[in-house]
Amino acid sequence: FARRDLSSLRLVGWSNLLPTTSFQQLRKALPKADLYHVYGFTEGTQAGTLISFKEMLERPGSCGKGHPDFGAFRVVDEQGRDRSPGETGEIIYMGKSLMKEYYKKPEATRAAMKDGWFYTGDLGRFDEQGYLYIVGRTKDMINRGGEKVYGQEVEQVLRQHPAVLEAAVVGTPHDMLGEEVMAFIVLRKGAQVKEAHLITYCQDKLAHFKIPRKIEFREELPKNSMGKILKYELVSHK
């Protein structure tokens, strides 16, 4: 950023939850730009949620609210019942901009569309004012001895460590618990930190069952063309 003139930028948006340190750096680097965090999905075309910079300061971690002209969002449990504010569930959507179907994939369409609602596969929660918070993906949820662990929450904590550049948290098989929490870490250039130190670092910030029991350091993490980490590749190699 220091080598570029960015003074002409007036609007900057992103669709992934930024770590607090990255958000603060972005605000400092782009003092004249309006910052927006959005949440959406291909199946909903332009539908999604939006939150302004001012609202982000008041509600850290939220991706905002959906616009009523596009449709409606709900957070539901496994039986499709609405979850109360503060409770985690799957995010579903219904609206005019929703897709008709997956092309030539009727089984995938039936699995995703139920009574006109699209089941996003994303986990989230509402607060009392109706602001949405993304927690993770249904497939990414780790079931550790009956306790639900959402990888994104653990990743946020790990990324706050000054030595950590990237983090991906997955569940690995465990004989007694079913799954155990494991983290893959990419360190910042020149940084050094031991596995035991990062585990201890998490102890004051996470419930005991959410703390990674094993950490593996990588030079890089597998990603798709959009830069999203491919967790299934990490799991398949364990």
Protein backbone atom coordinates (compact mmCIF):
# COMPACT_ATOMS: atom_id res chain seq x y z
CA PHE A 1 0.00 0.00 0.00
CA ALA A 2 2.83 2.38 0.82
CA ARG A 3 4.13 2.16 -2.76
CA ARG A 4 0.81 3.10 -4.41
CA ASP A 5 -1.32 6.24 -4.59
CA LEU A 6 -4.74 5.03 -3.43
CA SER A 7 -6.24 8.45 -2.73
CA SER A 8 -8.76 8.10 -5.58
CA LEU A 9 -10.48 5.06 -4.02
CA ARG A 10 -13.92 5.90 -2.68
CA LEU A 11 -15.58 2.53 -2.15
CA VAL A 12 -14.01 -0.77 -1.07
CA GLY A 13 -15.95 -3.94 -0.33
CA TRP A 14 -15.18 -7.54 0.54
CA SER A 15 -17.12 -10.72 1.16
CA ASN A 16 -15.00 -12.61 3.68
CA LEU A 17 -14.81 -11.76 7.37
CA LEU A 18 -11.67 -9.71 7.92
CA PRO A 19 -9.58 -10.22 11.05
CA THR A 20 -9.73 -7.14 13.30
CA THR A 21 -6.08 -6.26 12.65
CA SER A 22 -6.59 -6.37 8.87
CA PHE A 23 -9.71 -4.23 9.16
CA GLN A 24 -7.83 -1.60 11.18
CA GLN A 25 -4.98 -1.60 8.67
CA LEU A 26 -7.42 -1.14 5.79
CA ARG A 27 -9.10 1.78 7.53
CA LYS A 28 -5.74 3.45 8.12
CA ALA A 29 -4.54 2.86 4.55
CA LEU A 30 -7.77 4.10 2.94
CA PRO A 31 -9.00 6.99 5.12
CA LYS A 32 -11.12 8.52 2.31
CA ALA A 33 -12.87 5.34 1.20
CA ASP A 34 -16.21 4.00 2.37
CA LEU A 35 -15.79 0.41 3.54
CA TYR A 36 -18.50 -2.23 3.15
CA HIS A 37 -18.69 -5.90 4.05
CA VAL A 38 -21.13 -7.95 1.99
CA TYR A 39 -22.41 -11.52 2.17
CA GLY A 40 -23.95 -13.37 -0.75
CA PHE A 41 -23.91 -16.50 -2.88
CA THR A 42 -24.06 -17.37 -6.57
CA GLU A 43 -27.51 -18.98 -6.30
CA GLY A 44 -29.00 -15.69 -5.08
CA THR A 45 -27.37 -13.52 -7.78
CA GLN A 46 -27.43 -9.95 -6.40
CA ALA A 47 -29.16 -10.87 -3.13
CA GLY A 48 -27.19 -10.67 0.08
CA THR A 49 -26.48 -8.59 3.14
CA LEU A 50 -24.57 -5.35 3.55
CA ILE A 51 -22.97 -3.53 6.47
CA SER A 52 -21.34 -0.10 6.51
CA PHE A 53 -18.11 0.94 8.20
CA LYS A 54 -19.99 2.71 10.99
CA GLU A 55 -22.10 -0.37 11.67
CA MET A 56 -19.01 -2.60 11.61
CA LEU A 57 -17.51 -0.58 14.45
CA GLU A 58 -20.69 -1.06 16.46
CA ARG A 59 -21.10 -4.76 15.58
CA PRO A 60 -17.70 -6.36 14.92
CA GLY A 61 -17.99 -9.58 12.94
CA SER A 62 -21.44 -8.88 11.49
CA CYS A 63 -22.13 -8.89 7.73
CA GLY A 64 -25.20 -6.70 8.16
CA LYS A 65 -28.78 -7.07 7.00
CA GLY A 66 -30.47 -8.15 3.79
CA HIS A 67 -32.53 -5.67 1.77
CA PRO A 68 -36.28 -6.45 1.90
CA ASP A 69 -36.67 -5.68 -1.83
CA PHE A 70 -34.51 -8.70 -2.65
CA GLY A 71 -35.89 -11.29 -0.25
CA ALA A 72 -35.67 -12.72 3.25
CA PHE A 73 -33.06 -14.52 5.33
CA ARG A 74 -33.68 -16.97 8.15
CA VAL A 75 -31.46 -19.00 10.49
CA VAL A 76 -32.89 -22.47 11.16
CA ASP A 77 -32.09 -25.71 12.96
CA GLU A 78 -31.84 -29.20 11.43
CA GLN A 79 -35.65 -29.48 11.28
CA GLY A 80 -36.08 -26.11 9.53
CA ARG A 81 -37.33 -24.31 12.64
CA ASP A 82 -36.24 -20.72 13.26
CA ARG A 83 -33.43 -20.25 15.74
CA SER A 84 -33.64 -17.52 18.37
CA PRO A 85 -31.30 -14.50 18.29
CA GLY A 86 -27.83 -15.56 19.40
CA GLU A 87 -28.37 -19.21 18.43
CA THR A 88 -26.41 -20.74 15.55
CA GLY A 89 -28.12 -22.45 12.64
CA GLU A 90 -28.09 -22.76 8.86
CA ILE A 91 -28.76 -19.62 6.83
CA ILE A 92 -31.59 -19.97 4.30
CA TYR A 93 -32.90 -17.50 1.74
CA MET A 94 -36.04 -16.87 -0.32
CA GLY A 95 -36.42 -14.07 -2.87
CA LYS A 96 -37.07 -12.89 -6.41
CA SER A 97 -33.42 -13.19 -7.42
CA LEU A 98 -33.04 -16.82 -6.33
CA MET A 99 -31.99 -19.30 -8.99
CA LYS A 100 -34.50 -21.69 -10.54
CA GLU A 101 -32.31 -24.80 -10.33
CA TYR A 102 -28.84 -26.26 -10.74
CA TYR A 103 -28.44 -26.96 -14.44
CA LYS A 104 -29.16 -30.62 -15.17
CA LYS A 105 -28.65 -31.53 -11.49
CA PRO A 106 -32.10 -32.33 -10.10
CA GLU A 107 -30.80 -34.16 -7.02
CA ALA A 108 -28.59 -31.22 -6.04
CA THR A 109 -31.54 -28.87 -6.57
CA ARG A 110 -33.83 -30.95 -4.34
CA ALA A 111 -31.17 -31.05 -1.63
CA ALA A 112 -30.67 -27.27 -1.66
CA MET A 113 -34.26 -26.07 -2.27
CA LYS A 114 -37.00 -26.86 0.25
CA ASP A 115 -40.44 -25.23 0.15
CA GLY A 116 -39.03 -22.34 -1.86
CA TRP A 117 -36.14 -21.68 0.54
CA PHE A 118 -32.53 -22.08 -0.52
CA TYR A 119 -30.34 -23.77 2.10
CA THR A 120 -26.98 -22.03 1.76
CA GLY A 121 -24.84 -24.45 3.75
CA ASP A 122 -23.56 -21.45 5.72
CA LEU A 123 -23.88 -21.32 9.49
CA GLY A 124 -24.82 -18.06 11.14
CA ARG A 125 -26.78 -16.28 13.83
CA PHE A 126 -28.84 -13.11 14.20
CA ASP A 127 -28.48 -10.61 17.01
CA GLU A 128 -31.47 -8.96 18.68
CA GLN A 129 -31.51 -6.19 16.06
CA GLY A 130 -31.54 -8.59 13.10
CA TYR A 131 -27.89 -8.25 12.08
CA LEU A 132 -26.42 -11.43 10.64
CA TYR A 133 -23.13 -13.03 11.72
CA ILE A 134 -21.44 -15.77 9.69
CA VAL A 135 -20.07 -18.60 11.82
CA GLY A 136 -18.86 -21.12 9.24
CA ARG A 137 -20.02 -23.86 6.87
CA THR A 138 -22.20 -26.82 7.79
CA LYS A 139 -19.60 -29.15 6.26
CA ASP A 140 -16.85 -27.42 8.22
CA MET A 141 -18.47 -27.95 11.61
CA ILE A 142 -16.39 -30.21 13.84
CA ASN A 143 -18.21 -32.54 16.23
CA ARG A 144 -15.78 -33.13 19.09
CA GLY A 145 -17.40 -35.57 21.50
CA GLY A 146 -20.81 -33.97 21.00
CA GLU A 147 -19.48 -30.39 21.26
CA LYS A 148 -19.87 -28.28 18.11
CA VAL A 149 -16.76 -26.43 17.02
CA TYR A 150 -16.91 -23.91 14.17
CA GLY A 151 -13.57 -23.66 12.42
CA GLN A 152 -13.94 -19.99 11.52
CA GLU A 153 -14.09 -18.98 15.19
CA VAL A 154 -10.84 -20.80 15.94
CA GLU A 155 -9.22 -19.40 12.78
CA GLN A 156 -10.05 -15.84 13.84
CA VAL A 157 -8.24 -16.34 17.13
CA LEU A 158 -5.18 -17.88 15.47
CA ARG A 159 -4.96 -15.07 12.88
CA GLN A 160 -4.77 -12.53 15.68
CA HIS A 161 -1.34 -13.88 16.61
CA PRO A 162 1.35 -11.63 15.09
CA ALA A 163 3.28 -14.58 13.63
CA VAL A 164 0.29 -16.10 11.79
CA LEU A 165 -0.51 -15.15 8.20
CA GLU A 166 -3.16 -17.78 7.38
CA ALA A 167 -5.03 -20.42 9.34
CA ALA A 168 -7.36 -23.28 8.41
CA VAL A 169 -9.07 -25.41 11.06
CA VAL A 170 -10.51 -28.85 10.27
CA GLY A 171 -11.74 -31.93 12.07
CA THR A 172 -9.62 -35.07 11.99
CA PRO A 173 -10.78 -38.58 12.99
CA HIS A 174 -10.50 -39.53 16.68
CA ASP A 175 -11.25 -42.98 18.13
CA MET A 176 -13.12 -41.75 21.22
CA LEU A 177 -14.37 -38.27 20.35
CA GLY A 178 -15.27 -38.84 16.72
CA GLU A 179 -13.37 -35.75 15.60
CA GLU A 180 -10.51 -33.69 16.98
CA VAL A 181 -9.63 -30.06 16.23
CA MET A 182 -6.56 -29.51 14.04
CA ALA A 183 -5.11 -26.32 12.58
CA PHE A 184 -2.95 -25.72 9.52
CA ILE A 185 -0.87 -22.57 9.77
CA VAL A 186 1.12 -20.40 7.34
CA LEU A 187 3.48 -18.09 9.18
CA ARG A 188 4.38 -14.56 8.16
CA LYS A 189 7.69 -14.18 6.37
CA GLY A 190 10.55 -14.41 8.85
CA ALA A 191 8.28 -15.31 11.79
CA GLN A 192 8.94 -18.27 14.05
CA VAL A 193 6.63 -19.82 16.61
CA LYS A 194 6.25 -23.27 18.13
CA GLU A 195 3.13 -25.44 18.09
CA ALA A 196 2.93 -25.47 21.90
CA HIS A 197 3.01 -21.67 22.04
CA LEU A 198 0.04 -21.30 19.66
CA ILE A 199 -1.96 -23.89 21.59
CA THR A 200 -1.28 -22.00 24.83
CA TYR A 201 -2.20 -18.74 23.06
CA CYS A 202 -5.65 -20.17 22.30
CA GLN A 203 -6.32 -21.28 25.87
CA ASP A 204 -7.24 -17.81 27.15
CA LYS A 205 -9.44 -17.05 24.14
CA LEU A 206 -11.39 -20.24 23.46
CA ALA A 207 -13.35 -22.85 25.38
CA HIS A 208 -11.20 -25.90 26.12
CA PHE A 209 -12.96 -28.14 23.57
CA LYS A 210 -12.32 -25.61 20.75
CA ILE A 211 -8.54 -25.46 21.23
CA PRO A 212 -6.55 -27.20 18.47
CA ARG A 213 -4.83 -30.30 19.80
CA LYS A 214 -2.47 -30.43 16.84
CA ILE A 215 -1.01 -27.74 14.59
CA GLU A 216 0.77 -28.35 11.30
CA PHE A 217 2.84 -25.62 9.65
CA ARG A 218 2.69 -25.25 5.86
CA GLU A 219 4.44 -23.07 3.31
CA GLU A 220 1.04 -22.47 1.69
CA LEU A 221 -2.57 -23.69 1.86
CA PRO A 222 -4.49 -25.20 -1.08
CA LYS A 223 -6.84 -22.63 -2.66
CA ASN A 224 -9.23 -22.34 -5.57
CA SER A 225 -9.14 -19.68 -8.30
CA MET A 226 -10.97 -17.21 -6.04
CA GLY A 227 -8.43 -17.58 -3.25
CA LYS A 228 -10.66 -19.61 -0.94
CA ILE A 229 -8.91 -22.27 1.13
CA LEU A 230 -9.83 -25.84 0.08
CA LYS A 231 -10.23 -27.52 3.45
CA TYR A 232 -11.31 -30.82 1.94
CA GLU A 233 -7.82 -31.19 0.49
CA LEU A 234 -6.30 -30.70 3.93
CA VAL A 235 -8.62 -33.30 5.45
CA SER A 236 -8.03 -35.81 2.63
CA HIS A 237 -4.30 -35.80 3.34
CA LYS A 238 -4.68 -36.59 7.03
